[in-house]
Amino acid sequence: LTSISSIDPSSSRRPPQEPSEVGITGLLWLFLTYGYVLFYSSNLIAEGSDLLLLIPSMAGLVGGVVLPILGAVPDGAII
C-alpha cells in the first residue's frame, strides 16, 4: 500500500474540467443529462407542492411562502 502523502496528484487521472476537454459528444451528453434532471426535479416539486395544498390548515402558508420558494429552486439551478 502507498500512503496518501506519496501519491502525486499531477499523475493521477482527473475528470475533465473545461468544455473543450469533453468534446462535442460529451458536451451534448452533459447538456441532455442536466436538462433531464432539471425537468424531472421540477415535476417532483410541482407534484409535491400540489399535495401540500391539500392540507387545509397549511394552505395559506404553502400558497404564500412555500410555493414561491419551491418555484425558484429550478430557476436558480439553471442560472
C-alpha atoms as a PDB file:
ATOM      1  CA  LEU A   1       0.000   0.000   0.000  1.00  0.00           C
ATOM      2  CA  THR A   2       1.081   3.529  -0.643  1.00  0.00           C
ATOM      3  CA  SER A   3       0.407   6.329   1.744  1.00  0.00           C
ATOM      4  CA  ILE A   4      -1.797   9.207   0.715  1.00  0.00           C
ATOM      5  CA  SER A   5       1.047  11.693   1.025  1.00  0.00           C
ATOM      6  CA  SER A   6       3.155   9.809  -1.536  1.00  0.00           C
ATOM      7  CA  ILE A   7       0.526   9.996  -4.310  1.00  0.00           C
ATOM      8  CA  ASP A   8       1.356  12.601  -6.916  1.00  0.00           C
ATOM      9  CA  PRO A   9      -1.853  14.484  -7.819  1.00  0.00           C
ATOM     10  CA  SER A  10      -0.489  15.570 -11.199  1.00  0.00           C
ATOM     11  CA  SER A  11      -0.009  11.968 -12.341  1.00  0.00           C
ATOM     12  CA  SER A  12      -3.500  10.723 -11.427  1.00  0.00           C
ATOM     13  CA  ARG A  13      -6.419  10.926 -13.833  1.00  0.00           C
ATOM     14  CA  ARG A  14      -8.822  13.722 -13.190  1.00  0.00           C
ATOM     15  CA  PRO A  15     -12.263  14.362 -14.673  1.00  0.00           C
ATOM     16  CA  PRO A  16     -12.481  16.942 -17.476  1.00  0.00           C
ATOM     17  CA  GLN A  17     -12.886  20.474 -16.202  1.00  0.00           C
ATOM     18  CA  GLU A  18     -13.401  22.512 -19.356  1.00  0.00           C
ATOM     19  CA  PRO A  19     -15.931  22.103 -22.204  1.00  0.00           C
ATOM     20  CA  SER A  20     -13.071  21.833 -24.685  1.00  0.00           C
ATOM     21  CA  GLU A  21     -11.765  18.789 -22.782  1.00  0.00           C
ATOM     22  CA  VAL A  22     -15.117  16.995 -23.002  1.00  0.00           C
ATOM     23  CA  GLY A  23     -15.628  17.274 -26.749  1.00  0.00           C
ATOM     24  CA  ILE A  24     -18.872  17.892 -28.632  1.00  0.00           C
ATOM     25  CA  THR A  25     -20.351  14.472 -27.822  1.00  0.00           C
ATOM     26  CA  GLY A  26     -19.600  14.816 -24.129  1.00  0.00           C
ATOM     27  CA  LEU A  27     -20.944  18.345 -24.097  1.00  0.00           C
ATOM     28  CA  LEU A  28     -24.185  17.183 -25.719  1.00  0.00           C
ATOM     29  CA  TRP A  29     -24.451  14.357 -23.180  1.00  0.00           C
ATOM     30  CA  LEU A  30     -23.915  16.775 -20.275  1.00  0.00           C
ATOM     31  CA  PHE A  31     -26.493  19.181 -21.697  1.00  0.00           C
ATOM     32  CA  LEU A  32     -29.145  16.479 -22.136  1.00  0.00           C
ATOM     33  CA  THR A  33     -28.478  14.909 -18.741  1.00  0.00           C
ATOM     34  CA  TYR A  34     -28.620  18.271 -16.953  1.00  0.00           C
ATOM     35  CA  GLY A  35     -31.846  19.175 -18.769  1.00  0.00           C
ATOM     36  CA  TYR A  36     -33.468  15.858 -17.880  1.00  0.00           C
ATOM     37  CA  VAL A  37     -32.517  16.148 -14.206  1.00  0.00           C
ATOM     38  CA  LEU A  38     -33.954  19.674 -14.039  1.00  0.00           C
ATOM     39  CA  PHE A  39     -37.132  18.593 -15.839  1.00  0.00           C
ATOM     40  CA  TYR A  40     -37.647  15.620 -13.544  1.00  0.00           C
ATOM     41  CA  SER A  41     -36.928  17.577 -10.368  1.00  0.00           C
ATOM     42  CA  SER A  42     -39.244  20.438 -11.312  1.00  0.00           C
ATOM     43  CA  ASN A  43     -42.040  17.917 -11.914  1.00  0.00           C
ATOM     44  CA  LEU A  44     -41.421  16.381  -8.492  1.00  0.00           C
ATOM     45  CA  ILE A  45     -41.506  19.828  -6.870  1.00  0.00           C
ATOM     46  CA  ALA A  46     -44.775  20.687  -8.646  1.00  0.00           C
ATOM     47  CA  GLU A  47     -46.435  17.427  -7.604  1.00  0.00           C
ATOM     48  CA  GLY A  48     -45.274  17.820  -4.004  1.00  0.00           C
ATOM     49  CA  SER A  49     -46.488  21.383  -3.759  1.00  0.00           C
ATOM     50  CA  ASP A  50     -49.898  20.355  -5.121  1.00  0.00           C
ATOM     51  CA  LEU A  51     -50.097  17.732  -2.397  1.00  0.00           C
ATOM     52  CA  LEU A  52     -49.181  20.317   0.244  1.00  0.00           C
ATOM     53  CA  LEU A  53     -52.102  22.496  -0.884  1.00  0.00           C
ATOM     54  CA  LEU A  54     -54.489  19.668   0.017  1.00  0.00           C
ATOM     55  CA  ILE A  55     -53.793  20.198   3.739  1.00  0.00           C
ATOM     56  CA  PRO A  56     -56.415  22.825   4.709  1.00  0.00           C
ATOM     57  CA  SER A  57     -54.604  24.097   7.797  1.00  0.00           C
ATOM     58  CA  MET A  58     -51.419  24.802   5.846  1.00  0.00           C
ATOM     59  CA  ALA A  59     -52.881  26.025   2.542  1.00  0.00           C
ATOM     60  CA  GLY A  60     -52.275  29.707   3.304  1.00  0.00           C
ATOM     61  CA  LEU A  61     -48.695  29.175   4.388  1.00  0.00           C
ATOM     62  CA  VAL A  62     -47.935  26.855   1.491  1.00  0.00           C
ATOM     63  CA  GLY A  63     -49.514  29.135  -1.117  1.00  0.00           C
ATOM     64  CA  GLY A  64     -47.898  32.304   0.192  1.00  0.00           C
ATOM     65  CA  VAL A  65     -44.458  31.179   1.299  1.00  0.00           C
ATOM     66  CA  VAL A  66     -43.541  27.649   0.261  1.00  0.00           C
ATOM     67  CA  LEU A  67     -44.674  27.641  -3.377  1.00  0.00           C
ATOM     68  CA  PRO A  68     -42.714  30.753  -4.414  1.00  0.00           C
ATOM     69  CA  ILE A  69     -39.573  29.344  -2.804  1.00  0.00           C
ATOM     70  CA  LEU A  70     -40.030  25.922  -4.405  1.00  0.00           C
ATOM     71  CA  GLY A  71     -40.734  27.548  -7.756  1.00  0.00           C
ATOM     72  CA  ALA A  72     -37.449  29.428  -7.595  1.00  0.00           C
ATOM     73  CA  VAL A  73     -35.326  26.306  -6.986  1.00  0.00           C
ATOM     74  CA  PRO A  74     -35.225  25.073 -10.628  1.00  0.00           C
ATOM     75  CA  ASP A  75     -34.679  28.638 -11.867  1.00  0.00           C
ATOM     76  CA  GLY A  76     -31.743  29.011  -9.530  1.00  0.00           C
ATOM     77  CA  ALA A  77     -30.302  25.705 -10.671  1.00  0.00           C
ATOM     78  CA  ILE A  78     -30.472  26.798 -14.306  1.00  0.00           C
ATOM     79  CA  ILE A  79     -28.642  30.026 -13.573  1.00  0.00           C
END
